[in-house]
C-alpha atoms as a PDB file:
ATOM      1  CA  MET A   1     129.299 100.593  84.867  1.00  0.00           C
ATOM      2  CA  THR A   2     130.341 103.914  87.133  1.00  0.00           C
ATOM      3  CA  TYR A   3     129.235 103.865  90.332  1.00  0.00           C
ATOM      4  CA  MET A   4     127.525 106.959  89.393  1.00  0.00           C
ATOM      5  CA  LEU A   5     125.189 104.872  87.148  1.00  0.00           C
ATOM      6  CA  PHE A   6     124.496 102.071  89.255  1.00  0.00           C
ATOM      7  CA  ALA A   7     123.468 104.419  92.078  1.00  0.00           C
ATOM      8  CA  ASP A   8     121.261 106.829  90.138  1.00  0.00           C
ATOM      9  CA  ILE A   9     119.359 103.582  88.705  1.00  0.00           C
ATOM     10  CA  ALA A  10     119.688 101.955  92.591  1.00  0.00           C
ATOM     11  CA  SER A  11     118.071 104.797  93.999  1.00  0.00           C
ATOM     12  CA  LEU A  12     115.325 105.339  91.665  1.00  0.00           C
ATOM     13  CA  ILE A  13     114.181 101.341  91.967  1.00  0.00           C
ATOM     14  CA  LEU A  14     114.495 101.539  95.526  1.00  0.00           C
ATOM     15  CA  ILE A  15     111.947 105.325  95.856  1.00  0.00           C
ATOM     16  CA  LEU A  16     109.674 104.423  93.297  1.00  0.00           C
ATOM     17  CA  THR A  17     109.252 101.273  95.148  1.00  0.00           C
ATOM     18  CA  GLY A  18     108.604 103.172  98.177  1.00  0.00           C
ATOM     19  CA  ALA A  19     106.497 105.712  97.515  1.00  0.00           C
ATOM     20  CA  PHE A  20     104.325 102.574  95.683  1.00  0.00           C
ATOM     21  CA  LEU A  21     103.925 101.319  99.153  1.00  0.00           C
ATOM     22  CA  VAL A  22     103.435 104.954 100.772  1.00  0.00           C
ATOM     23  CA  PHE A  23     100.870 105.031  98.749  1.00  0.00           C
ATOM     24  CA  SER A  24      99.114 101.920  98.498  1.00  0.00           C
ATOM     25  CA  ALA A  25      99.191 102.420 102.064  1.00  0.00           C
ATOM     26  CA  ALA A  26      97.707 105.789 101.634  1.00  0.00           C
ATOM     27  CA  VAL A  27      94.640 103.912  99.925  1.00  0.00           C
ATOM     28  CA  GLY A  28      94.569 101.122 102.495  1.00  0.00           C
ATOM     29  CA  VAL A  29      93.730 103.865 105.080  1.00  0.00           C
ATOM     30  CA  ALA A  30      91.022 105.422 102.937  1.00  0.00           C
ATOM     31  CA  ARG A  31      89.310 101.864 101.649  1.00  0.00           C
ATOM     32  CA  PHE A  32      89.425 100.038 105.367  1.00  0.00           C
ATOM     33  CA  GLY A  33      86.823 100.337 107.490  1.00  0.00           C
ATOM     34  CA  ASP A  34      87.532  99.766 110.585  1.00  0.00           C
ATOM     35  CA  THR A  35      90.120 100.129 112.795  1.00  0.00           C
ATOM     36  CA  MET A  36      92.864  97.434 113.586  1.00  0.00           C
ATOM     37  CA  SER A  37      92.676  97.012 109.304  1.00  0.00           C
ATOM     38  CA  ARG A  38      93.192 100.681 109.572  1.00  0.00           C
ATOM     39  CA  ILE A  39      96.646 100.304 111.374  1.00  0.00           C
ATOM     40  CA  HIS A  40      98.152  98.042 109.851  1.00  0.00           C
ATOM     41  CA  ALA A  41      97.703  99.247 107.047  1.00  0.00           C
ATOM     42  CA  ILE A  42      99.607 102.771 108.304  1.00  0.00           C
ATOM     43  CA  THR A  43     102.260 101.453 109.842  1.00  0.00           C
ATOM     44  CA  LYS A  44     103.506  97.588 107.806  1.00  0.00           C
ATOM     45  CA  PRO A  45     104.447  99.761 104.204  1.00  0.00           C
ATOM     46  CA  GLN A  46     104.219 103.375 105.178  1.00  0.00           C
ATOM     47  CA  THR A  47     107.542 102.336 107.599  1.00  0.00           C
ATOM     48  CA  THR A  48     109.002  99.877 104.627  1.00  0.00           C
ATOM     49  CA  GLY A  49     108.359 102.728 102.141  1.00  0.00           C
ATOM     50  CA  LEU A  50     109.642 105.548 104.154  1.00  0.00           C
ATOM     51  CA  ILE A  51     113.543 103.287 104.579  1.00  0.00           C
ATOM     52  CA  LEU A  52     113.363 102.400 100.889  1.00  0.00           C
ATOM     53  CA  THR A  53     112.683 105.694  99.764  1.00  0.00           C
ATOM     54  CA  ILE A  54     115.686 107.069 102.093  1.00  0.00           C
ATOM     55  CA  LEU A  55     117.618 104.593 101.659  1.00  0.00           C
ATOM     56  CA  GLY A  56     117.410 105.404  97.909  1.00  0.00           C
ATOM     57  CA  ALA A  57     118.310 109.099  99.117  1.00  0.00           C
ATOM     58  CA  ILE A  58     121.512 107.393 100.517  1.00  0.00           C
ATOM     59  CA  LEU A  59     122.346 105.636  97.173  1.00  0.00           C
ATOM     60  CA  ARG A  60     121.328 109.502  95.297  1.00  0.00           C
ATOM     61  CA  VAL A  61     123.579 111.722  98.188  1.00  0.00           C
ATOM     62  CA  THR A  62     127.451 109.014  97.670  1.00  0.00           C
ATOM     63  CA  GLY A  63     127.094 108.380  94.145  1.00  0.00           C
ATOM     64  CA  ALA A  64     126.693 112.635  93.481  1.00  0.00           C
ATOM     65  CA  GLU A  65     129.669 114.364  92.112  1.00  0.00           C
ATOM     66  CA  GLU A  66     129.931 116.626  94.513  1.00  0.00           C
ATOM     67  CA  PHE A  67     130.174 114.439  97.021  1.00  0.00           C
ATOM     68  CA  GLY A  68     131.368 116.420 100.063  1.00  0.00           C
ATOM     69  CA  ILE A  69     132.100 117.260 103.817  1.00  0.00           C
ATOM     70  CA  ALA A  70     128.329 118.998 104.138  1.00  0.00           C
ATOM     71  CA  GLU A  71     126.840 115.269 102.078  1.00  0.00           C
ATOM     72  CA  ARG A  72     127.927 113.441 104.883  1.00  0.00           C
ATOM     73  CA  GLY A  73     126.212 115.038 107.676  1.00  0.00           C
ATOM     74  CA  ASP A  74     123.654 115.131 105.099  1.00  0.00           C
ATOM     75  CA  LEU A  75     123.813 110.182 105.636  1.00  0.00           C
ATOM     76  CA  GLY A  76     123.743 110.733 109.168  1.00  0.00           C
ATOM     77  CA  VAL A  77     120.471 112.987 108.951  1.00  0.00           C
ATOM     78  CA  LEU A  78     119.541 109.869 106.449  1.00  0.00           C
ATOM     79  CA  VAL A  79     120.763 107.022 108.937  1.00  0.00           C
ATOM     80  CA  LEU A  80     118.812 108.908 111.837  1.00  0.00           C
ATOM     81  CA  LEU A  81     115.579 109.234 110.080  1.00  0.00           C
ATOM     82  CA  VAL A  82     115.789 104.959 109.355  1.00  0.00           C
ATOM     83  CA  ILE A  83     116.662 104.152 112.464  1.00  0.00           C
ATOM     84  CA  PHE A  84     113.769 106.421 114.413  1.00  0.00           C
ATOM     85  CA  ALA A  85     111.203 104.931 112.064  1.00  0.00           C
ATOM     86  CA  ALA A  86     112.145 101.628 112.179  1.00  0.00           C
ATOM     87  CA  MET A  87     111.743 102.006 116.594  1.00  0.00           C
ATOM     88  CA  THR A  88     108.386 103.812 116.848  1.00  0.00           C
ATOM     89  CA  SER A  89     106.725 101.911 114.116  1.00  0.00           C
ATOM     90  CA  PRO A  90     105.778  99.018 115.733  1.00  0.00           C
ATOM     91  CA  VAL A  91     105.609 101.400 119.513  1.00  0.00           C
ATOM     92  CA  THR A  92     102.620 103.485 117.966  1.00  0.00           C
ATOM     93  CA  ALA A  93     100.505 100.415 115.867  1.00  0.00           C
ATOM     94  CA  GLN A  94     101.033  98.318 119.694  1.00  0.00           C
ATOM     95  CA  ARG A  95     100.084 101.108 121.116  1.00  0.00           C
ATOM     96  CA  LEU A  96      96.995 102.102 118.876  1.00  0.00           C
ATOM     97  CA  SER A  97      96.074  98.730 119.102  1.00  0.00           C
ATOM     98  CA  ARG A  98      95.889  98.717 122.744  1.00  0.00           C
ATOM     99  CA  VAL A  99      93.937 101.406 122.493  1.00  0.00           C
ATOM    100  CA  SER A 100      91.367 100.576 120.185  1.00  0.00           C
ATOM    101  CA  ARG A 101      90.528  97.070 121.673  1.00  0.00           C
ATOM    102  CA  ARG A 102      89.858  98.837 125.565  1.00  0.00           C
ATOM    103  CA  GLU A 103      87.728 101.477 123.653  1.00  0.00           C
ATOM    104  CA  GLY A 104      85.824  98.945 121.629  1.00  0.00           C
ATOM    105  CA  LEU A 105      87.131 100.434 117.745  1.00  0.00           C
ATOM    106  CA  TYR A 106      85.506  97.378 116.094  1.00  0.00           C
ATOM    107  CA  GLY A 107      83.863  97.271 112.913  1.00  0.00           C
ATOM    108  CA  THR A 108      80.482  95.587 113.143  1.00  0.00           C
ATOM    109  CA  LYS A 109      80.646  91.677 114.921  1.00  0.00           C
ATOM    110  CA  GLU A 110      78.728  90.691 111.345  1.00  0.00           C
ATOM    111  CA  SER A 111      81.499  92.090 109.566  1.00  0.00           C
ATOM    112  CA  MET A 112      83.925  90.154 111.757  1.00  0.00           C
ATOM    113  CA  SER A 113      85.182  86.665 111.667  1.00  0.00           C
ATOM    114  CA  ARG A 114      84.680  84.482 114.913  1.00  0.00           C
ATOM    115  CA  ASN A 115      88.828  85.271 115.681  1.00  0.00           C
ATOM    116  CA  ASP A 116      88.606  89.297 115.160  1.00  0.00           C
ATOM    117  CA  ALA A 117      85.635  89.311 117.407  1.00  0.00           C
ATOM    118  CA  PRO A 118      85.958  90.850 120.555  1.00  0.00           C
ATOM    119  CA  ALA A 119      84.477  88.782 123.235  1.00  0.00           C
ATOM    120  CA  ASP A 120      81.208  88.638 124.678  1.00  0.00           C
ATOM    121  CA  ARG A 121      82.797  89.319 128.234  1.00  0.00           C
ATOM    122  CA  SER A 122      85.315  90.758 129.407  1.00  0.00           C
ATOM    123  CA  LEU A 123      88.204  87.919 131.067  1.00  0.00           C
ATOM    124  CA  ARG A 124      88.944  90.133 134.263  1.00  0.00           C
ATOM    125  CA  ARG A 125      87.153  88.660 137.149  1.00  0.00           C
ATOM    126  CA  ARG A 126      86.069  92.370 138.726  1.00  0.00           C
END
């Protein structure tokens, strides 16, 4: 088995797995009702799916017959995309969840468990 065939098969598996995860994130955003659940659906599988898709593209680019200097620049851009996605997604999720907790963007109190429901009174002294 040559490296080109291995790269094609591995990139196909990674890209399809990543596409499934991104699709499941989109379904989660459409199905979930409250903000916290939507933030979870956006950040976890979407970031993992993006990283898997980019890794599949990296394998596909390195396995091409015409792999040259121009393709090496493409690899650098793809690696930067993975780094930026891994750095920004947790920060964005934390900021969104903090704002939604501060603004009270929850679901109905009846639909939440005891641990998910916001406190009845503030813990801060005024």
